[in-house]
Amino acid sequence: MLNLRRSGYEPIEAETGAEALERIRQNPDISLAVLDVMLPDIDGFEVCRRIRATDSKMGIIMLTARAQEIDKVTGLMTGADDYITKPLTSIAEFTARIDALYRRVGGEEGDDGSEIVRGIFRLNTRSRTLEKNGQRIRLTQVEYAIVKLFMDNPGKAMSREEILAAVWGDEYLGETGETKVVDVNIRRLRIKIEDDPTNPEYITTVWGHGYKWGF
């Protein structure tokens, strides 16, 4: 906590899932939550689900056990934007990951309030919202950033590393295999925007490379 305060943040601590949800209710301006999977009452996954049920804008980072790959995937599928494995070996990396997501949640400079239209999709860069056939689709800020990246580059095949750098930041630090965060966010996004997520039409896979906006 001391390192976060030195970096200019005002962290609020909670020892249980219930306490975390109450702190969020009392402080609706909280921009980012770091949730440990292992909590004494409600696990971090359920806390994440409850946050996402009421707030799609908050950035969420899950703390997962290094050996538990399923925890990483589960955390992302419940709505987390990123994960950090325990035990924490680098305070600098921890702070850098928080910085990167905080900037993403806070919005990008250069969003001029224009709209990007690709077929049946309309992306408003001022309100940072997406519509499909006129119906609003609830997105997290990271999901919004992925959609904007694709819609700015229609038909362009982008590698997982390119997407990771563009959405999570060039300074994103992580272990080998960290591109999984891209794959799981794409999977989650497909569930929201595709008519059939198992046979995607809009975000298509480029085998051996990455993804592209196929519409």
C-alpha atoms as a PDB file:
ATOM      1  CA  MET A   1       0.000   0.000   0.000  1.00  0.00           C
ATOM      2  CA  LEU A   2       2.870   2.349   0.773  1.00  0.00           C
ATOM      3  CA  ASN A   3       4.230   1.952  -2.758  1.00  0.00           C
ATOM      4  CA  LEU A   4       0.818   2.740  -4.263  1.00  0.00           C
ATOM      5  CA  ARG A   5       0.541   5.867  -2.131  1.00  0.00           C
ATOM      6  CA  ARG A   6       4.001   6.928  -3.251  1.00  0.00           C
ATOM      7  CA  SER A   7       2.786   6.504  -6.836  1.00  0.00           C
ATOM      8  CA  GLY A   8      -0.080   8.917  -6.199  1.00  0.00           C
ATOM      9  CA  TYR A   9      -2.921   6.460  -5.546  1.00  0.00           C
ATOM     10  CA  GLU A  10      -5.316   6.489  -2.602  1.00  0.00           C
ATOM     11  CA  PRO A  11      -5.832   2.780  -1.876  1.00  0.00           C
ATOM     12  CA  ILE A  12      -8.747   1.523   0.206  1.00  0.00           C
ATOM     13  CA  GLU A  13      -8.200  -1.837   1.885  1.00  0.00           C
ATOM     14  CA  ALA A  14     -10.716  -4.591   2.589  1.00  0.00           C
ATOM     15  CA  GLU A  15     -10.079  -7.936   4.275  1.00  0.00           C
ATOM     16  CA  THR A  16     -13.148  -9.811   3.003  1.00  0.00           C
ATOM     17  CA  GLY A  17     -15.238  -9.919  -0.143  1.00  0.00           C
ATOM     18  CA  ALA A  18     -18.262  -8.501   1.639  1.00  0.00           C
ATOM     19  CA  GLU A  19     -16.187  -5.638   3.002  1.00  0.00           C
ATOM     20  CA  ALA A  20     -14.789  -4.947  -0.469  1.00  0.00           C
ATOM     21  CA  LEU A  21     -18.287  -4.715  -1.964  1.00  0.00           C
ATOM     22  CA  GLU A  22     -19.389  -2.405   0.849  1.00  0.00           C
ATOM     23  CA  ARG A  23     -16.337  -0.153   0.358  1.00  0.00           C
ATOM     24  CA  ILE A  24     -17.141   0.061  -3.356  1.00  0.00           C
ATOM     25  CA  ARG A  25     -20.756   0.939  -2.546  1.00  0.00           C
ATOM     26  CA  GLN A  26     -19.556   3.684  -0.204  1.00  0.00           C
ATOM     27  CA  ASN A  27     -16.989   4.976  -2.711  1.00  0.00           C
ATOM     28  CA  PRO A  28     -18.622   4.880  -6.170  1.00  0.00           C
ATOM     29  CA  ASP A  29     -15.724   6.823  -7.686  1.00  0.00           C
ATOM     30  CA  ILE A  30     -13.283   3.911  -7.233  1.00  0.00           C
ATOM     31  CA  SER A  31     -11.588   3.383 -10.599  1.00  0.00           C
ATOM     32  CA  LEU A  32      -9.750   0.108 -10.098  1.00  0.00           C
ATOM     33  CA  ALA A  33      -9.955  -2.966  -7.858  1.00  0.00           C
ATOM     34  CA  VAL A  34      -7.258  -5.555  -7.117  1.00  0.00           C
ATOM     35  CA  LEU A  35      -9.000  -8.742  -5.977  1.00  0.00           C
ATOM     36  CA  ASP A  36      -7.379 -11.762  -4.385  1.00  0.00           C
ATOM     37  CA  VAL A  37      -8.993 -15.021  -5.487  1.00  0.00           C
ATOM     38  CA  MET A  38      -8.636 -16.405  -1.961  1.00  0.00           C
ATOM     39  CA  LEU A  39     -10.872 -14.419   0.377  1.00  0.00           C
ATOM     40  CA  PRO A  40     -12.248 -15.720   3.683  1.00  0.00           C
ATOM     41  CA  ASP A  41     -15.930 -15.355   2.787  1.00  0.00           C
ATOM     42  CA  ILE A  42     -16.810 -14.638  -0.857  1.00  0.00           C
ATOM     43  CA  ASP A  43     -14.116 -15.617  -3.316  1.00  0.00           C
ATOM     44  CA  GLY A  44     -12.597 -13.029  -5.626  1.00  0.00           C
ATOM     45  CA  PHE A  45     -14.418 -14.449  -8.645  1.00  0.00           C
ATOM     46  CA  GLU A  46     -17.816 -13.780  -7.084  1.00  0.00           C
ATOM     47  CA  VAL A  47     -16.768 -10.289  -6.013  1.00  0.00           C
ATOM     48  CA  CYS A  48     -15.698  -9.659  -9.615  1.00  0.00           C
ATOM     49  CA  ARG A  49     -19.039 -10.925 -10.956  1.00  0.00           C
ATOM     50  CA  ARG A  50     -20.973  -8.669  -8.584  1.00  0.00           C
ATOM     51  CA  ILE A  51     -18.907  -5.634  -9.530  1.00  0.00           C
ATOM     52  CA  ARG A  52     -19.434  -6.315 -13.227  1.00  0.00           C
ATOM     53  CA  ALA A  53     -23.190  -6.765 -12.686  1.00  0.00           C
ATOM     54  CA  THR A  54     -23.431  -3.122 -11.668  1.00  0.00           C
ATOM     55  CA  ASP A  55     -20.295  -1.427 -13.048  1.00  0.00           C
ATOM     56  CA  SER A  56     -18.708  -2.237 -16.405  1.00  0.00           C
ATOM     57  CA  LYS A  57     -16.276   0.683 -16.227  1.00  0.00           C
ATOM     58  CA  MET A  58     -14.157  -0.246 -13.213  1.00  0.00           C
ATOM     59  CA  GLY A  59     -10.781  -1.803 -13.924  1.00  0.00           C
ATOM     60  CA  ILE A  60     -10.279  -5.159 -12.200  1.00  0.00           C
ATOM     61  CA  ILE A  61      -7.033  -7.066 -11.628  1.00  0.00           C
ATOM     62  CA  MET A  62      -7.127 -10.555 -10.116  1.00  0.00           C
ATOM     63  CA  LEU A  63      -4.376 -11.926  -7.867  1.00  0.00           C
ATOM     64  CA  THR A  64      -4.029 -15.617  -8.704  1.00  0.00           C
ATOM     65  CA  ALA A  65      -1.800 -18.474  -7.553  1.00  0.00           C
ATOM     66  CA  ARG A  66       1.085 -19.041  -9.957  1.00  0.00           C
ATOM     67  CA  ALA A  67       0.351 -22.756 -10.328  1.00  0.00           C
ATOM     68  CA  GLN A  68      -3.394 -22.375 -10.892  1.00  0.00           C
ATOM     69  CA  GLU A  69      -3.870 -21.704 -14.602  1.00  0.00           C
ATOM     70  CA  ILE A  70      -7.623 -22.217 -14.257  1.00  0.00           C
ATOM     71  CA  ASP A  71      -7.775 -19.320 -11.774  1.00  0.00           C
ATOM     72  CA  LYS A  72      -6.379 -16.982 -14.419  1.00  0.00           C
ATOM     73  CA  VAL A  73      -8.910 -18.026 -17.030  1.00  0.00           C
ATOM     74  CA  THR A  74     -11.808 -18.029 -14.562  1.00  0.00           C
ATOM     75  CA  GLY A  75     -10.893 -14.557 -13.314  1.00  0.00           C
ATOM     76  CA  LEU A  76     -10.806 -13.142 -16.822  1.00  0.00           C
ATOM     77  CA  MET A  77     -14.049 -14.838 -17.844  1.00  0.00           C
ATOM     78  CA  THR A  78     -15.855 -13.414 -14.811  1.00  0.00           C
ATOM     79  CA  GLY A  79     -14.911  -9.920 -15.980  1.00  0.00           C
ATOM     80  CA  ALA A  80     -11.374  -9.144 -14.819  1.00  0.00           C
ATOM     81  CA  ASP A  81      -9.198  -7.088 -17.161  1.00  0.00           C
ATOM     82  CA  ASP A  82      -5.865  -8.540 -16.088  1.00  0.00           C
ATOM     83  CA  TYR A  83      -4.277 -10.903 -13.597  1.00  0.00           C
ATOM     84  CA  ILE A  84      -1.089 -10.907 -11.550  1.00  0.00           C
ATOM     85  CA  THR A  85       0.337 -14.128 -10.156  1.00  0.00           C
ATOM     86  CA  LYS A  86       1.358 -14.638  -6.536  1.00  0.00           C
ATOM     87  CA  PRO A  87       3.696 -14.458  -4.818  1.00  0.00           C
ATOM     88  CA  LEU A  88       4.490 -10.960  -5.997  1.00  0.00           C
ATOM     89  CA  THR A  89       8.143 -10.887  -6.976  1.00  0.00           C
ATOM     90  CA  SER A  90       8.318  -7.313  -8.254  1.00  0.00           C
ATOM     91  CA  ILE A  91       6.609  -4.287  -6.745  1.00  0.00           C
ATOM     92  CA  ALA A  92       7.651  -2.340  -9.863  1.00  0.00           C
ATOM     93  CA  GLU A  93       5.766  -4.789 -12.101  1.00  0.00           C
ATOM     94  CA  PHE A  94       2.723  -4.688  -9.817  1.00  0.00           C
ATOM     95  CA  THR A  95       2.653  -0.888  -9.947  1.00  0.00           C
ATOM     96  CA  ALA A  96       3.255  -0.835 -13.721  1.00  0.00           C
ATOM     97  CA  ARG A  97       0.299  -3.151 -14.313  1.00  0.00           C
ATOM     98  CA  ILE A  98      -1.920  -0.932 -12.158  1.00  0.00           C
ATOM     99  CA  ASP A  99      -0.670   2.188 -13.968  1.00  0.00           C
ATOM    100  CA  ALA A 100      -1.399   0.665 -17.381  1.00  0.00           C
ATOM    101  CA  LEU A 101      -4.948  -0.379 -16.507  1.00  0.00           C
ATOM    102  CA  TYR A 102      -5.649   2.892 -14.685  1.00  0.00           C
ATOM    103  CA  ARG A 103      -4.763   4.850 -17.829  1.00  0.00           C
ATOM    104  CA  ARG A 104      -7.007   2.577 -19.873  1.00  0.00           C
ATOM    105  CA  VAL A 105      -9.937   3.012 -17.494  1.00  0.00           C
ATOM    106  CA  GLY A 106      -9.369   6.765 -17.444  1.00  0.00           C
ATOM    107  CA  GLY A 107      -9.715   6.992 -21.209  1.00  0.00           C
ATOM    108  CA  GLU A 108      -7.347   7.702 -24.031  1.00  0.00           C
ATOM    109  CA  GLU A 109      -6.245  11.125 -25.125  1.00  0.00           C
ATOM    110  CA  GLY A 110      -7.311  11.847 -28.662  1.00  0.00           C
ATOM    111  CA  ASP A 111     -10.845  10.432 -28.471  1.00  0.00           C
ATOM    112  CA  ASP A 112     -12.610  13.235 -30.329  1.00  0.00           C
ATOM    113  CA  GLY A 113     -16.200  12.172 -29.848  1.00  0.00           C
ATOM    114  CA  SER A 114     -16.516  10.729 -33.336  1.00  0.00           C
ATOM    115  CA  GLU A 115     -18.328   7.550 -34.289  1.00  0.00           C
ATOM    116  CA  ILE A 116     -16.876   4.537 -36.041  1.00  0.00           C
ATOM    117  CA  VAL A 117     -19.369   2.491 -38.025  1.00  0.00           C
ATOM    118  CA  ARG A 118     -18.570  -0.963 -39.301  1.00  0.00           C
ATOM    119  CA  GLY A 119     -21.608  -2.709 -40.750  1.00  0.00           C
ATOM    120  CA  ILE A 120     -24.183  -3.224 -38.001  1.00  0.00           C
ATOM    121  CA  PHE A 121     -21.828  -1.887 -35.292  1.00  0.00           C
ATOM    122  CA  ARG A 122     -21.534   1.725 -34.136  1.00  0.00           C
ATOM    123  CA  LEU A 123     -18.783   2.756 -31.720  1.00  0.00           C
ATOM    124  CA  ASN A 124     -19.063   6.144 -30.019  1.00  0.00           C
ATOM    125  CA  THR A 125     -15.594   7.239 -28.901  1.00  0.00           C
ATOM    126  CA  ARG A 126     -16.856  10.023 -26.640  1.00  0.00           C
ATOM    127  CA  SER A 127     -19.206   7.911 -24.541  1.00  0.00           C
ATOM    128  CA  ARG A 128     -17.039   4.833 -25.206  1.00  0.00           C
ATOM    129  CA  THR A 129     -20.095   2.738 -26.047  1.00  0.00           C
ATOM    130  CA  LEU A 130     -20.897   0.102 -28.661  1.00  0.00           C
ATOM    131  CA  GLU A 131     -24.186  -0.603 -30.379  1.00  0.00           C
ATOM    132  CA  LYS A 132     -25.099  -3.593 -32.528  1.00  0.00           C
ATOM    133  CA  ASN A 133     -28.197  -3.051 -34.674  1.00  0.00           C
ATOM    134  CA  GLY A 134     -29.022  -0.105 -32.415  1.00  0.00           C
ATOM    135  CA  GLN A 135     -28.831  -2.189 -29.226  1.00  0.00           C
ATOM    136  CA  ARG A 136     -26.285  -1.180 -26.574  1.00  0.00           C
ATOM    137  CA  ILE A 137     -23.688  -3.801 -25.648  1.00  0.00           C
ATOM    138  CA  ARG A 138     -22.168  -3.457 -22.185  1.00  0.00           C
ATOM    139  CA  LEU A 139     -18.387  -3.432 -22.422  1.00  0.00           C
ATOM    140  CA  THR A 140     -15.587  -3.119 -19.920  1.00  0.00           C
ATOM    141  CA  GLN A 141     -13.022  -0.451 -20.738  1.00  0.00           C
ATOM    142  CA  VAL A 142     -10.551  -3.076 -21.938  1.00  0.00           C
ATOM    143  CA  GLU A 143     -13.197  -4.660 -24.159  1.00  0.00           C
ATOM    144  CA  TYR A 144     -13.970  -1.212 -25.561  1.00  0.00           C
ATOM    145  CA  ALA A 145     -10.275  -0.697 -26.317  1.00  0.00           C
ATOM    146  CA  ILE A 146     -10.078  -4.038 -28.136  1.00  0.00           C
ATOM    147  CA  VAL A 147     -13.146  -3.255 -30.246  1.00  0.00           C
ATOM    148  CA  LYS A 148     -11.805   0.209 -31.089  1.00  0.00           C
ATOM    149  CA  LEU A 149      -8.459  -1.286 -32.111  1.00  0.00           C
ATOM    150  CA  PHE A 150     -10.196  -3.730 -34.447  1.00  0.00           C
ATOM    151  CA  MET A 151     -12.595  -1.154 -35.885  1.00  0.00           C
ATOM    152  CA  ASP A 152      -9.712   1.232 -36.529  1.00  0.00           C
ATOM    153  CA  ASN A 153      -7.996  -1.579 -38.451  1.00  0.00           C
ATOM    154  CA  PRO A 154     -10.718  -3.481 -40.333  1.00  0.00           C
ATOM    155  CA  GLY A 155      -9.453  -6.570 -42.102  1.00  0.00           C
ATOM    156  CA  LYS A 156      -5.960  -6.268 -40.644  1.00  0.00           C
ATOM    157  CA  ALA A 157      -4.577  -9.400 -39.007  1.00  0.00           C
ATOM    158  CA  MET A 158      -3.032  -8.458 -35.668  1.00  0.00           C
ATOM    159  CA  SER A 159      -0.859 -10.673 -33.538  1.00  0.00           C
ATOM    160  CA  ARG A 160      -1.578 -11.266 -29.868  1.00  0.00           C
ATOM    161  CA  GLU A 161       1.561  -9.285 -29.037  1.00  0.00           C
ATOM    162  CA  GLU A 162       0.322  -6.313 -31.080  1.00  0.00           C
ATOM    163  CA  ILE A 163      -3.039  -6.392 -29.332  1.00  0.00           C
ATOM    164  CA  LEU A 164      -1.374  -6.739 -25.928  1.00  0.00           C
ATOM    165  CA  ALA A 165       0.857  -3.718 -26.560  1.00  0.00           C
ATOM    166  CA  ALA A 166      -1.948  -1.572 -28.019  1.00  0.00           C
ATOM    167  CA  VAL A 167      -4.542  -2.323 -25.339  1.00  0.00           C
ATOM    168  CA  TRP A 168      -2.535  -3.080 -22.198  1.00  0.00           C
ATOM    169  CA  GLY A 169       0.451  -0.865 -23.038  1.00  0.00           C
ATOM    170  CA  ASP A 170       3.990  -1.127 -24.390  1.00  0.00           C
ATOM    171  CA  GLU A 171       5.320  -1.223 -20.848  1.00  0.00           C
ATOM    172  CA  TYR A 172       3.178  -4.236 -19.982  1.00  0.00           C
ATOM    173  CA  LEU A 173       5.439  -6.560 -18.035  1.00  0.00           C
ATOM    174  CA  GLY A 174       4.737 -10.223 -17.592  1.00  0.00           C
ATOM    175  CA  GLU A 175       5.930 -13.754 -17.812  1.00  0.00           C
ATOM    176  CA  THR A 176       6.056 -15.908 -20.928  1.00  0.00           C
ATOM    177  CA  GLY A 177       2.562 -16.848 -22.038  1.00  0.00           C
ATOM    178  CA  GLU A 178       0.992 -13.632 -20.787  1.00  0.00           C
ATOM    179  CA  THR A 179      -0.776 -13.248 -24.144  1.00  0.00           C
ATOM    180  CA  LYS A 180      -3.425 -15.560 -22.664  1.00  0.00           C
ATOM    181  CA  VAL A 181      -5.025 -12.388 -21.316  1.00  0.00           C
ATOM    182  CA  VAL A 182      -5.684 -11.427 -24.949  1.00  0.00           C
ATOM    183  CA  ASP A 183      -7.222 -14.796 -25.845  1.00  0.00           C
ATOM    184  CA  VAL A 184      -9.580 -14.851 -22.879  1.00  0.00           C
ATOM    185  CA  ASN A 185     -10.704 -11.250 -23.382  1.00  0.00           C
ATOM    186  CA  ILE A 186     -11.414 -12.066 -27.038  1.00  0.00           C
ATOM    187  CA  ARG A 187     -13.435 -15.089 -25.933  1.00  0.00           C
ATOM    188  CA  ARG A 188     -15.408 -12.939 -23.502  1.00  0.00           C
ATOM    189  CA  LEU A 189     -15.968 -10.255 -26.137  1.00  0.00           C
ATOM    190  CA  ARG A 190     -17.226 -12.797 -28.668  1.00  0.00           C
ATOM    191  CA  ILE A 191     -19.866 -13.942 -26.189  1.00  0.00           C
ATOM    192  CA  LYS A 192     -21.147 -10.370 -26.108  1.00  0.00           C
ATOM    193  CA  ILE A 193     -21.096  -9.430 -29.795  1.00  0.00           C
ATOM    194  CA  GLU A 194     -21.304 -12.616 -31.878  1.00  0.00           C
ATOM    195  CA  ASP A 195     -24.568 -14.284 -32.892  1.00  0.00           C
ATOM    196  CA  ASP A 196     -22.769 -17.608 -32.443  1.00  0.00           C
ATOM    197  CA  PRO A 197     -19.583 -17.259 -30.343  1.00  0.00           C
ATOM    198  CA  THR A 198     -18.458 -20.752 -31.392  1.00  0.00           C
ATOM    199  CA  ASN A 199     -18.541 -19.681 -35.049  1.00  0.00           C
ATOM    200  CA  PRO A 200     -17.428 -16.027 -34.911  1.00  0.00           C
ATOM    201  CA  GLU A 201     -18.234 -13.750 -37.812  1.00  0.00           C
ATOM    202  CA  TYR A 202     -16.879 -10.403 -36.602  1.00  0.00           C
ATOM    203  CA  ILE A 203     -13.721 -11.174 -34.610  1.00  0.00           C
ATOM    204  CA  THR A 204     -12.110 -14.005 -36.498  1.00  0.00           C
ATOM    205  CA  THR A 205      -9.022 -16.050 -35.684  1.00  0.00           C
ATOM    206  CA  VAL A 206      -5.961 -15.887 -37.916  1.00  0.00           C
ATOM    207  CA  TRP A 207      -4.433 -19.250 -37.115  1.00  0.00           C
ATOM    208  CA  GLY A 208      -0.844 -19.116 -35.943  1.00  0.00           C
ATOM    209  CA  HIS A 209      -0.938 -15.313 -35.739  1.00  0.00           C
ATOM    210  CA  GLY A 210      -3.811 -13.638 -33.914  1.00  0.00           C
ATOM    211  CA  TYR A 211      -7.148 -12.040 -34.763  1.00  0.00           C
ATOM    212  CA  LYS A 212      -8.816  -9.612 -37.123  1.00  0.00           C
ATOM    213  CA  TRP A 213     -12.094  -7.744 -37.471  1.00  0.00           C
ATOM    214  CA  GLY A 214     -13.733  -9.783 -40.179  1.00  0.00           C
ATOM    215  CA  PHE A 215     -16.840  -7.715 -40.945  1.00  0.00           C
END
